[in-house]
C-alpha cells in the first residue's frame, strides 16, 4: 500500500469544478464567527461538490487570509454569496424549492442516521454560530432540524466537523458518489 501522488488523485481544476454537475446541496452559515471555520466550510463544500455557500450576518467573507488558510483555494472553486440576513436567505432558498435543514440540537430533532433525504429534492443545510448555534427564528423556518448523535461528555462538535459528517452522510444516502 502506498499514498497516491497528486496526478493519481485526478483532482478537478477550478474550471472543471465550475462546469461539473453539483450535489443538490447549498450551505448556509448563520453568524459563524471563526474565519477558520468559514475556510473549512469552503473546503468541505469543494470536496462534496456543494452548489453554493451563503454567508450570513457576522460570517466573514473572502478574500481574507484566515479564511484562505483553511480553504486552501476552495474560495475560488465554490460559488458564494453574502447576505446580512439569514432569514432573507432562507426565504429565498425556500422560494427556489430548497428543503431547509438546520443542524442543531432541539427537542424534536431528527437524528442524522434516521434522516432520509428525497433524491428528487434540493437541500439547504444551515450551520450556526459556534457559541449560540442557529438563531431560533431560523430553526422555526426550517423544514427539518437534524442532530448528530454524540456519546461522550461534550455535546457539541465544531461546525467544520458537523458540516463534514452531515454532508458526507447526505452524499452517501443520495448515492452521489462517483468512482
N, C-alpha and C. Protein backbone atom coordinates (compact mmCIF):
# COMPACT_ATOMS: atom_id res chain seq x y z
N UNK A 1 0.84 -1.16 0.00
CA UNK A 1 0.00 0.00 0.00
C UNK A 1 0.89 1.24 0.00
N UNK A 2 0.49 2.25 -0.78
CA UNK A 2 1.26 3.49 -0.84
C UNK A 2 0.30 4.68 -1.03
N UNK A 3 0.75 5.83 -0.61
CA UNK A 3 -0.04 7.04 -0.80
C UNK A 3 -0.05 7.39 -2.28
N UNK A 4 -1.19 7.92 -2.74
CA UNK A 4 -1.28 8.35 -4.13
C UNK A 4 -0.59 9.69 -4.30
N UNK A 5 0.02 9.89 -5.48
CA UNK A 5 0.63 11.19 -5.76
C UNK A 5 -0.45 12.11 -6.34
N UNK A 6 -0.13 13.37 -6.50
CA UNK A 6 -1.12 14.37 -6.92
C UNK A 6 -1.77 14.02 -8.27
N UNK A 7 -0.99 13.52 -9.21
CA UNK A 7 -1.55 13.18 -10.52
C UNK A 7 -2.57 12.03 -10.41
N UNK A 8 -2.28 11.09 -9.52
CA UNK A 8 -3.17 9.93 -9.36
C UNK A 8 -4.49 10.29 -8.67
N UNK A 9 -4.55 11.43 -8.01
CA UNK A 9 -5.79 11.82 -7.32
C UNK A 9 -6.86 12.32 -8.28
N UNK A 10 -6.47 12.66 -9.51
CA UNK A 10 -7.43 13.11 -10.54
C UNK A 10 -8.32 14.25 -10.05
N UNK A 11 -7.72 15.25 -9.42
CA UNK A 11 -8.47 16.40 -8.92
C UNK A 11 -8.93 17.26 -10.08
N UNK A 12 -10.12 17.85 -9.93
CA UNK A 12 -10.64 18.77 -10.92
C UNK A 12 -9.89 20.09 -10.85
N UNK A 13 -9.74 20.74 -11.98
CA UNK A 13 -9.24 22.12 -11.97
C UNK A 13 -10.41 23.01 -11.54
N UNK A 14 -10.13 24.26 -11.22
CA UNK A 14 -11.21 25.19 -10.84
C UNK A 14 -12.21 25.31 -11.99
N UNK A 15 -11.72 25.38 -13.22
CA UNK A 15 -12.60 25.49 -14.38
C UNK A 15 -13.48 24.24 -14.53
N UNK A 16 -12.88 23.07 -14.33
CA UNK A 16 -13.66 21.83 -14.41
C UNK A 16 -14.69 21.78 -13.29
N UNK A 17 -14.29 22.19 -12.08
CA UNK A 17 -15.22 22.21 -10.95
C UNK A 17 -16.43 23.10 -11.27
N UNK A 18 -16.17 24.27 -11.84
CA UNK A 18 -17.26 25.21 -12.16
C UNK A 18 -18.24 24.60 -13.17
N UNK A 19 -17.73 23.74 -14.06
CA UNK A 19 -18.56 23.20 -15.12
C UNK A 19 -19.23 21.87 -14.82
N UNK A 20 -18.81 21.20 -13.76
CA UNK A 20 -19.34 19.87 -13.46
C UNK A 20 -20.67 19.98 -12.70
N UNK A 21 -21.53 18.97 -12.84
CA UNK A 21 -22.78 18.93 -12.09
C UNK A 21 -22.52 18.88 -10.60
N UNK A 22 -23.33 19.56 -9.83
CA UNK A 22 -23.13 19.65 -8.38
C UNK A 22 -24.12 18.79 -7.62
N UNK A 23 -23.77 18.55 -6.36
CA UNK A 23 -24.71 17.88 -5.44
C UNK A 23 -25.88 18.83 -5.21
N UNK A 24 -27.07 18.30 -4.97
CA UNK A 24 -28.24 19.18 -4.77
C UNK A 24 -28.26 19.79 -3.35
N UNK A 25 -27.14 20.46 -3.00
CA UNK A 25 -26.94 20.98 -1.66
C UNK A 25 -26.38 22.40 -1.75
N UNK A 26 -26.92 23.28 -0.91
CA UNK A 26 -26.27 24.54 -0.62
C UNK A 26 -26.03 24.60 0.88
N UNK A 27 -25.08 25.39 1.29
CA UNK A 27 -24.75 25.55 2.70
C UNK A 27 -25.03 26.99 3.09
N UNK A 28 -25.65 27.17 4.27
CA UNK A 28 -25.89 28.50 4.82
C UNK A 28 -25.14 28.58 6.14
N UNK A 29 -24.25 29.56 6.26
CA UNK A 29 -23.54 29.80 7.51
C UNK A 29 -24.21 30.96 8.22
N UNK A 30 -24.83 30.67 9.35
CA UNK A 30 -25.61 31.63 10.13
C UNK A 30 -24.74 32.23 11.25
N UNK A 31 -24.18 33.40 10.99
CA UNK A 31 -23.40 34.12 12.00
C UNK A 31 -22.22 33.32 12.55
N UNK A 32 -21.48 32.68 11.66
CA UNK A 32 -20.29 31.92 12.05
C UNK A 32 -19.15 32.92 12.28
N UNK A 33 -18.60 32.92 13.49
CA UNK A 33 -17.62 33.95 13.85
C UNK A 33 -16.20 33.60 13.47
N UNK A 34 -15.83 32.33 13.43
CA UNK A 34 -14.45 31.93 13.17
C UNK A 34 -14.17 31.89 11.67
N UNK A 35 -13.18 32.69 11.27
CA UNK A 35 -12.80 32.70 9.86
C UNK A 35 -12.18 31.37 9.45
N UNK A 36 -11.53 30.68 10.39
CA UNK A 36 -11.01 29.34 10.09
C UNK A 36 -12.16 28.38 9.79
N UNK A 37 -13.27 28.49 10.52
CA UNK A 37 -14.43 27.64 10.24
C UNK A 37 -15.05 27.98 8.88
N UNK A 38 -15.06 29.25 8.53
CA UNK A 38 -15.56 29.64 7.20
C UNK A 38 -14.69 29.00 6.12
N UNK A 39 -13.39 29.08 6.29
CA UNK A 39 -12.48 28.46 5.32
C UNK A 39 -12.68 26.96 5.23
N UNK A 40 -12.87 26.31 6.38
CA UNK A 40 -13.13 24.86 6.39
C UNK A 40 -14.44 24.54 5.68
N UNK A 41 -15.43 25.41 5.82
CA UNK A 41 -16.71 25.21 5.13
C UNK A 41 -16.51 25.22 3.62
N UNK A 42 -15.69 26.15 3.14
CA UNK A 42 -15.41 26.19 1.70
C UNK A 42 -14.71 24.92 1.24
N UNK A 43 -13.76 24.46 2.02
CA UNK A 43 -13.00 23.27 1.65
C UNK A 43 -13.90 22.03 1.62
N UNK A 44 -14.79 21.91 2.61
CA UNK A 44 -15.74 20.78 2.63
C UNK A 44 -16.72 20.89 1.47
N UNK A 45 -17.18 22.10 1.19
CA UNK A 45 -18.11 22.31 0.07
C UNK A 45 -17.47 21.90 -1.25
N UNK A 46 -16.21 22.22 -1.41
CA UNK A 46 -15.48 21.81 -2.61
C UNK A 46 -15.39 20.28 -2.68
N UNK A 47 -15.05 19.65 -1.56
CA UNK A 47 -14.86 18.20 -1.54
C UNK A 47 -16.11 17.43 -1.97
N UNK A 48 -17.29 17.98 -1.64
CA UNK A 48 -18.54 17.26 -1.92
C UNK A 48 -19.38 17.92 -3.01
N UNK A 49 -18.77 18.78 -3.82
CA UNK A 49 -19.44 19.44 -4.95
C UNK A 49 -20.72 20.16 -4.54
N UNK A 50 -20.66 20.90 -3.44
CA UNK A 50 -21.80 21.70 -3.00
C UNK A 50 -22.02 22.84 -4.00
N UNK A 51 -23.29 23.13 -4.29
CA UNK A 51 -23.62 24.16 -5.29
C UNK A 51 -23.11 25.54 -4.91
N UNK A 52 -23.33 25.93 -3.64
CA UNK A 52 -23.04 27.30 -3.25
C UNK A 52 -23.03 27.41 -1.74
N UNK A 53 -22.28 28.39 -1.22
CA UNK A 53 -22.30 28.72 0.19
C UNK A 53 -22.90 30.12 0.35
N UNK A 54 -23.84 30.24 1.27
CA UNK A 54 -24.42 31.53 1.63
C UNK A 54 -23.85 31.94 2.98
N UNK A 55 -23.19 33.08 3.01
CA UNK A 55 -22.58 33.61 4.22
C UNK A 55 -23.50 34.70 4.76
N UNK A 56 -23.91 34.57 6.02
CA UNK A 56 -24.93 35.49 6.55
C UNK A 56 -24.49 36.12 7.86
N UNK A 57 -25.02 37.32 8.10
CA UNK A 57 -24.79 38.00 9.36
C UNK A 57 -23.33 38.37 9.56
N UNK A 58 -22.77 37.97 10.72
CA UNK A 58 -21.38 38.32 11.05
C UNK A 58 -20.36 37.40 10.38
N UNK A 59 -20.83 36.43 9.62
CA UNK A 59 -19.92 35.50 8.95
C UNK A 59 -18.98 36.27 8.02
N UNK A 60 -17.69 36.01 8.16
CA UNK A 60 -16.70 36.67 7.32
C UNK A 60 -16.77 36.18 5.88
N UNK A 61 -16.23 36.99 4.99
CA UNK A 61 -16.25 36.68 3.57
C UNK A 61 -14.84 36.72 2.98
N UNK A 62 -14.62 35.96 1.92
CA UNK A 62 -13.35 36.06 1.21
C UNK A 62 -13.27 37.43 0.51
N UNK A 63 -12.11 37.91 0.18
CA UNK A 63 -10.82 37.32 0.49
C UNK A 63 -10.37 37.73 1.89
N UNK A 64 -9.84 36.79 2.62
CA UNK A 64 -9.29 37.06 3.95
C UNK A 64 -8.27 35.97 4.23
N UNK A 65 -7.10 36.37 4.77
CA UNK A 65 -6.02 35.40 4.96
C UNK A 65 -6.40 34.27 5.91
N UNK A 66 -7.24 34.53 6.93
CA UNK A 66 -7.64 33.48 7.86
C UNK A 66 -8.59 32.48 7.19
N UNK A 67 -9.42 32.95 6.28
CA UNK A 67 -10.29 32.04 5.51
C UNK A 67 -9.43 31.22 4.56
N UNK A 68 -8.52 31.89 3.87
CA UNK A 68 -7.67 31.21 2.89
C UNK A 68 -6.80 30.14 3.52
N UNK A 69 -6.39 30.36 4.78
CA UNK A 69 -5.51 29.41 5.46
C UNK A 69 -6.14 28.01 5.53
N UNK A 70 -7.44 27.94 5.76
CA UNK A 70 -8.09 26.62 5.85
C UNK A 70 -8.82 26.24 4.56
N UNK A 71 -9.20 27.23 3.75
CA UNK A 71 -9.91 26.94 2.50
C UNK A 71 -8.98 26.34 1.45
N UNK A 72 -7.70 26.66 1.53
CA UNK A 72 -6.71 26.15 0.57
C UNK A 72 -7.13 26.35 -0.89
N UNK A 73 -7.70 27.50 -1.20
CA UNK A 73 -8.08 27.81 -2.58
C UNK A 73 -9.52 27.50 -2.93
N UNK A 74 -10.26 26.87 -2.02
CA UNK A 74 -11.65 26.50 -2.34
C UNK A 74 -12.57 27.71 -2.49
N UNK A 75 -12.14 28.89 -2.04
CA UNK A 75 -12.95 30.10 -2.27
C UNK A 75 -12.97 30.46 -3.75
N UNK A 76 -12.04 29.91 -4.51
CA UNK A 76 -12.02 30.15 -5.96
C UNK A 76 -12.93 29.18 -6.71
N UNK A 77 -13.13 27.99 -6.17
CA UNK A 77 -13.94 26.99 -6.87
C UNK A 77 -15.41 27.04 -6.46
N UNK A 78 -15.70 27.25 -5.20
CA UNK A 78 -17.08 27.20 -4.69
C UNK A 78 -17.73 28.58 -4.81
N UNK A 79 -18.90 28.61 -5.44
CA UNK A 79 -19.65 29.86 -5.53
C UNK A 79 -20.15 30.26 -4.15
N UNK A 80 -20.21 31.56 -3.89
CA UNK A 80 -20.70 32.03 -2.60
C UNK A 80 -21.40 33.37 -2.77
N UNK A 81 -22.19 33.68 -1.75
CA UNK A 81 -22.95 34.93 -1.74
C UNK A 81 -23.11 35.38 -0.29
N UNK A 82 -23.03 36.68 -0.07
CA UNK A 82 -23.20 37.22 1.28
C UNK A 82 -24.55 37.91 1.41
N UNK A 83 -25.18 37.75 2.58
CA UNK A 83 -26.39 38.48 2.94
C UNK A 83 -26.30 38.83 4.41
N UNK A 84 -26.75 40.02 4.77
CA UNK A 84 -26.73 40.38 6.19
C UNK A 84 -27.84 39.69 6.96
N UNK A 85 -28.77 39.05 6.25
CA UNK A 85 -29.92 38.41 6.90
C UNK A 85 -30.04 36.93 6.53
N UNK A 86 -29.83 36.06 7.51
CA UNK A 86 -30.03 34.63 7.29
C UNK A 86 -31.49 34.36 6.93
N UNK A 87 -32.40 35.05 7.59
CA UNK A 87 -33.84 34.86 7.33
C UNK A 87 -34.17 35.13 5.86
N UNK A 88 -33.66 36.22 5.31
CA UNK A 88 -33.92 36.51 3.90
C UNK A 88 -33.33 35.44 2.99
N UNK A 89 -32.15 34.96 3.34
CA UNK A 89 -31.51 33.89 2.56
C UNK A 89 -32.38 32.64 2.57
N UNK A 90 -32.85 32.25 3.76
CA UNK A 90 -33.69 31.05 3.89
C UNK A 90 -34.98 31.21 3.08
N UNK A 91 -35.60 32.36 3.17
CA UNK A 91 -36.84 32.59 2.42
C UNK A 91 -36.60 32.51 0.91
N UNK A 92 -35.49 33.06 0.45
CA UNK A 92 -35.14 32.99 -0.97
C UNK A 92 -34.92 31.54 -1.41
N UNK A 93 -34.19 30.79 -0.58
CA UNK A 93 -33.94 29.39 -0.93
C UNK A 93 -35.23 28.58 -0.95
N UNK A 94 -36.10 28.81 0.01
CA UNK A 94 -37.40 28.11 0.03
C UNK A 94 -38.20 28.42 -1.24
N UNK A 95 -38.22 29.68 -1.64
CA UNK A 95 -38.92 30.08 -2.87
C UNK A 95 -38.35 29.37 -4.10
N UNK A 96 -37.08 29.01 -4.02
CA UNK A 96 -36.43 28.32 -5.13
C UNK A 96 -36.45 26.80 -4.98
N UNK A 97 -37.29 26.30 -4.07
CA UNK A 97 -37.53 24.86 -3.97
C UNK A 97 -36.61 24.08 -3.06
N UNK A 98 -35.80 24.75 -2.26
CA UNK A 98 -34.91 24.04 -1.34
C UNK A 98 -35.64 23.63 -0.07
N UNK A 99 -35.30 22.45 0.42
CA UNK A 99 -35.77 21.99 1.73
C UNK A 99 -34.72 22.47 2.74
N UNK A 100 -35.18 23.16 3.76
CA UNK A 100 -34.27 23.77 4.74
C UNK A 100 -34.02 22.81 5.88
N UNK A 101 -32.76 22.45 6.09
CA UNK A 101 -32.35 21.53 7.15
C UNK A 101 -31.31 22.21 8.03
N UNK A 102 -31.70 22.51 9.26
CA UNK A 102 -30.76 23.10 10.21
C UNK A 102 -30.11 21.98 11.00
N UNK A 103 -28.81 22.11 11.25
CA UNK A 103 -28.08 21.14 12.07
C UNK A 103 -27.97 21.74 13.46
N UNK A 104 -28.79 21.22 14.37
CA UNK A 104 -28.89 21.80 15.71
C UNK A 104 -29.49 20.79 16.67
N UNK A 105 -29.31 21.02 17.95
CA UNK A 105 -29.89 20.17 18.99
C UNK A 105 -31.16 20.85 19.50
N UNK A 106 -32.32 20.27 19.17
CA UNK A 106 -33.60 20.78 19.62
C UNK A 106 -34.45 19.61 20.13
N UNK A 107 -35.56 19.92 20.77
CA UNK A 107 -36.37 18.87 21.38
C UNK A 107 -37.03 17.93 20.39
N UNK A 108 -37.20 18.34 19.13
CA UNK A 108 -37.84 17.46 18.16
C UNK A 108 -36.94 17.22 16.94
N UNK A 109 -35.65 17.16 17.19
CA UNK A 109 -34.71 16.94 16.08
C UNK A 109 -34.83 15.51 15.55
N UNK A 110 -34.36 15.35 14.32
CA UNK A 110 -34.26 14.04 13.69
C UNK A 110 -32.78 13.66 13.77
N UNK A 111 -32.49 12.47 14.27
CA UNK A 111 -31.10 12.03 14.33
C UNK A 111 -30.58 11.81 12.90
N UNK A 112 -29.37 12.24 12.65
CA UNK A 112 -28.80 12.19 11.31
C UNK A 112 -28.94 10.82 10.67
N UNK A 113 -28.67 9.77 11.40
CA UNK A 113 -28.73 8.43 10.81
C UNK A 113 -30.16 8.01 10.48
N UNK A 114 -31.16 8.71 11.01
CA UNK A 114 -32.57 8.41 10.72
C UNK A 114 -33.14 9.30 9.61
N UNK A 115 -32.45 10.35 9.25
CA UNK A 115 -32.92 11.28 8.22
C UNK A 115 -32.74 10.65 6.85
N UNK A 116 -33.83 10.59 6.08
CA UNK A 116 -33.78 10.02 4.74
C UNK A 116 -34.15 11.09 3.71
N UNK A 117 -33.17 11.62 3.01
CA UNK A 117 -33.46 12.65 2.02
C UNK A 117 -34.19 12.09 0.80
N UNK A 118 -34.96 12.96 0.17
CA UNK A 118 -35.66 12.63 -1.06
C UNK A 118 -34.69 12.87 -2.22
N UNK A 119 -34.41 11.86 -3.03
CA UNK A 119 -33.43 12.04 -4.10
C UNK A 119 -33.85 13.04 -5.18
N UNK A 120 -35.11 13.44 -5.18
CA UNK A 120 -35.58 14.40 -6.18
C UNK A 120 -35.64 15.82 -5.64
N UNK A 121 -35.12 16.05 -4.45
CA UNK A 121 -35.20 17.37 -3.81
C UNK A 121 -33.83 18.03 -3.72
N UNK A 122 -33.87 19.35 -3.50
CA UNK A 122 -32.67 20.14 -3.25
C UNK A 122 -32.69 20.54 -1.78
N UNK A 123 -31.51 20.60 -1.17
CA UNK A 123 -31.42 20.85 0.26
C UNK A 123 -30.51 22.03 0.58
N UNK A 124 -30.92 22.80 1.58
CA UNK A 124 -30.09 23.86 2.16
C UNK A 124 -29.76 23.44 3.58
N UNK A 125 -28.48 23.24 3.86
CA UNK A 125 -28.03 22.87 5.20
C UNK A 125 -27.55 24.13 5.92
N UNK A 126 -28.14 24.39 7.09
CA UNK A 126 -27.81 25.59 7.86
C UNK A 126 -26.93 25.19 9.04
N UNK A 127 -25.81 25.91 9.19
CA UNK A 127 -24.89 25.70 10.30
C UNK A 127 -24.75 27.01 11.04
N UNK A 128 -24.75 26.94 12.39
CA UNK A 128 -24.82 28.16 13.19
C UNK A 128 -23.56 28.58 13.89
N UNK A 129 -23.70 29.65 14.64
CA UNK A 129 -22.65 30.26 15.44
C UNK A 129 -22.04 29.26 16.42
N UNK A 130 -20.75 29.34 16.60
CA UNK A 130 -20.02 28.39 17.43
C UNK A 130 -20.45 28.39 18.90
N UNK A 131 -20.96 29.50 19.40
CA UNK A 131 -21.37 29.59 20.80
C UNK A 131 -22.89 29.47 20.95
N UNK A 132 -23.63 30.19 20.12
CA UNK A 132 -25.08 30.28 20.29
C UNK A 132 -25.89 29.38 19.36
N UNK A 133 -25.23 28.74 18.41
CA UNK A 133 -25.95 27.87 17.47
C UNK A 133 -26.72 28.67 16.44
N UNK A 134 -27.73 28.03 15.89
CA UNK A 134 -28.58 28.65 14.87
C UNK A 134 -29.62 29.50 15.58
N UNK A 135 -29.90 30.67 15.02
CA UNK A 135 -30.90 31.56 15.58
C UNK A 135 -32.25 30.84 15.67
N UNK A 136 -32.99 31.09 16.76
CA UNK A 136 -34.31 30.48 16.96
C UNK A 136 -35.24 30.74 15.79
N UNK A 137 -35.18 31.95 15.26
CA UNK A 137 -36.03 32.33 14.13
C UNK A 137 -35.76 31.43 12.92
N UNK A 138 -34.52 31.07 12.72
CA UNK A 138 -34.15 30.21 11.58
C UNK A 138 -34.59 28.77 11.85
N UNK A 139 -34.46 28.32 13.08
CA UNK A 139 -34.95 26.98 13.43
C UNK A 139 -36.44 26.87 13.13
N UNK A 140 -37.19 27.90 13.46
CA UNK A 140 -38.64 27.91 13.19
C UNK A 140 -38.95 27.85 11.70
N UNK A 141 -38.07 28.40 10.88
CA UNK A 141 -38.26 28.40 9.42
C UNK A 141 -37.80 27.10 8.76
N UNK A 142 -37.15 26.23 9.52
CA UNK A 142 -36.58 25.00 8.96
C UNK A 142 -37.65 23.94 8.72
N UNK A 143 -37.46 23.19 7.65
CA UNK A 143 -38.33 22.04 7.38
C UNK A 143 -37.95 20.86 8.26
N UNK A 144 -36.65 20.73 8.53
CA UNK A 144 -36.12 19.67 9.39
C UNK A 144 -35.01 20.24 10.25
N UNK A 145 -34.90 19.75 11.46
CA UNK A 145 -33.74 20.04 12.30
C UNK A 145 -33.09 18.70 12.58
N UNK A 146 -31.85 18.60 12.15
CA UNK A 146 -31.12 17.34 12.20
C UNK A 146 -30.04 17.45 13.27
N UNK A 147 -29.88 16.37 14.01
CA UNK A 147 -28.89 16.33 15.08
C UNK A 147 -27.94 15.15 14.87
N UNK A 148 -26.68 15.38 15.13
CA UNK A 148 -25.70 14.30 15.09
C UNK A 148 -25.62 13.71 16.49
N UNK A 149 -25.96 12.44 16.66
CA UNK A 149 -25.88 11.84 17.99
C UNK A 149 -24.45 11.86 18.51
N UNK A 150 -24.30 12.15 19.80
CA UNK A 150 -22.98 12.19 20.42
C UNK A 150 -23.02 11.38 21.71
N UNK A 151 -21.95 10.70 21.99
CA UNK A 151 -21.94 9.72 23.07
C UNK A 151 -21.10 10.10 24.28
N UNK A 152 -20.27 11.10 24.17
CA UNK A 152 -19.34 11.43 25.24
C UNK A 152 -19.86 12.49 26.20
N UNK A 153 -18.95 13.13 26.89
CA UNK A 153 -19.32 14.15 27.88
C UNK A 153 -19.60 15.50 27.24
N UNK A 154 -19.04 15.76 26.08
CA UNK A 154 -19.28 17.02 25.36
C UNK A 154 -20.47 16.83 24.43
N UNK A 155 -21.26 17.84 24.32
CA UNK A 155 -22.45 17.73 23.48
C UNK A 155 -22.47 18.79 22.40
N UNK A 156 -21.31 18.98 21.81
CA UNK A 156 -21.23 19.85 20.65
C UNK A 156 -20.01 19.45 19.85
N UNK A 157 -20.11 19.69 18.56
CA UNK A 157 -18.99 19.45 17.65
C UNK A 157 -18.66 20.78 16.98
N UNK A 158 -17.41 20.93 16.58
CA UNK A 158 -17.04 22.11 15.81
C UNK A 158 -17.86 22.13 14.53
N UNK A 159 -18.19 23.32 14.06
CA UNK A 159 -19.01 23.46 12.85
C UNK A 159 -18.38 22.74 11.66
N UNK A 160 -17.06 22.79 11.54
CA UNK A 160 -16.44 22.13 10.39
C UNK A 160 -16.60 20.61 10.47
N UNK A 161 -16.55 20.06 11.67
CA UNK A 161 -16.77 18.63 11.85
C UNK A 161 -18.22 18.28 11.55
N UNK A 162 -19.14 19.08 12.09
CA UNK A 162 -20.58 18.87 11.85
C UNK A 162 -20.88 18.91 10.36
N UNK A 163 -20.31 19.87 9.68
CA UNK A 163 -20.54 20.00 8.25
C UNK A 163 -20.01 18.78 7.49
N UNK A 164 -18.81 18.35 7.81
CA UNK A 164 -18.24 17.19 7.12
C UNK A 164 -19.05 15.93 7.33
N UNK A 165 -19.44 15.68 8.57
CA UNK A 165 -20.23 14.47 8.88
C UNK A 165 -21.57 14.50 8.17
N UNK A 166 -22.28 15.62 8.28
CA UNK A 166 -23.65 15.68 7.76
C UNK A 166 -23.69 15.67 6.23
N UNK A 167 -22.78 16.37 5.60
CA UNK A 167 -22.78 16.37 4.13
C UNK A 167 -22.31 15.02 3.59
N UNK A 168 -21.33 14.42 4.24
CA UNK A 168 -20.90 13.08 3.83
C UNK A 168 -22.08 12.10 3.92
N UNK A 169 -22.81 12.15 5.03
CA UNK A 169 -23.96 11.27 5.22
C UNK A 169 -24.98 11.48 4.11
N UNK A 170 -25.24 12.72 3.78
CA UNK A 170 -26.20 13.06 2.72
C UNK A 170 -25.72 12.54 1.37
N UNK A 171 -24.46 12.76 1.05
CA UNK A 171 -23.89 12.31 -0.23
C UNK A 171 -24.00 10.81 -0.36
N UNK A 172 -23.75 10.09 0.72
CA UNK A 172 -23.86 8.63 0.69
C UNK A 172 -25.32 8.21 0.50
N UNK A 173 -26.23 8.78 1.27
CA UNK A 173 -27.65 8.42 1.16
C UNK A 173 -28.24 8.77 -0.19
N UNK A 174 -27.78 9.85 -0.79
CA UNK A 174 -28.29 10.27 -2.10
C UNK A 174 -27.57 9.57 -3.26
N UNK A 175 -26.60 8.71 -2.92
CA UNK A 175 -25.83 7.97 -3.92
C UNK A 175 -25.16 8.92 -4.94
N UNK A 176 -24.59 9.98 -4.41
CA UNK A 176 -23.93 10.98 -5.26
C UNK A 176 -22.51 10.59 -5.60
N UNK A 177 -21.92 9.70 -4.82
CA UNK A 177 -20.52 9.33 -5.03
C UNK A 177 -20.29 8.83 -6.45
N UNK A 178 -19.17 9.29 -7.00
CA UNK A 178 -18.78 8.85 -8.34
C UNK A 178 -17.41 8.21 -8.22
N UNK A 179 -17.21 7.15 -8.92
CA UNK A 179 -15.92 6.44 -8.86
C UNK A 179 -15.05 6.88 -10.01
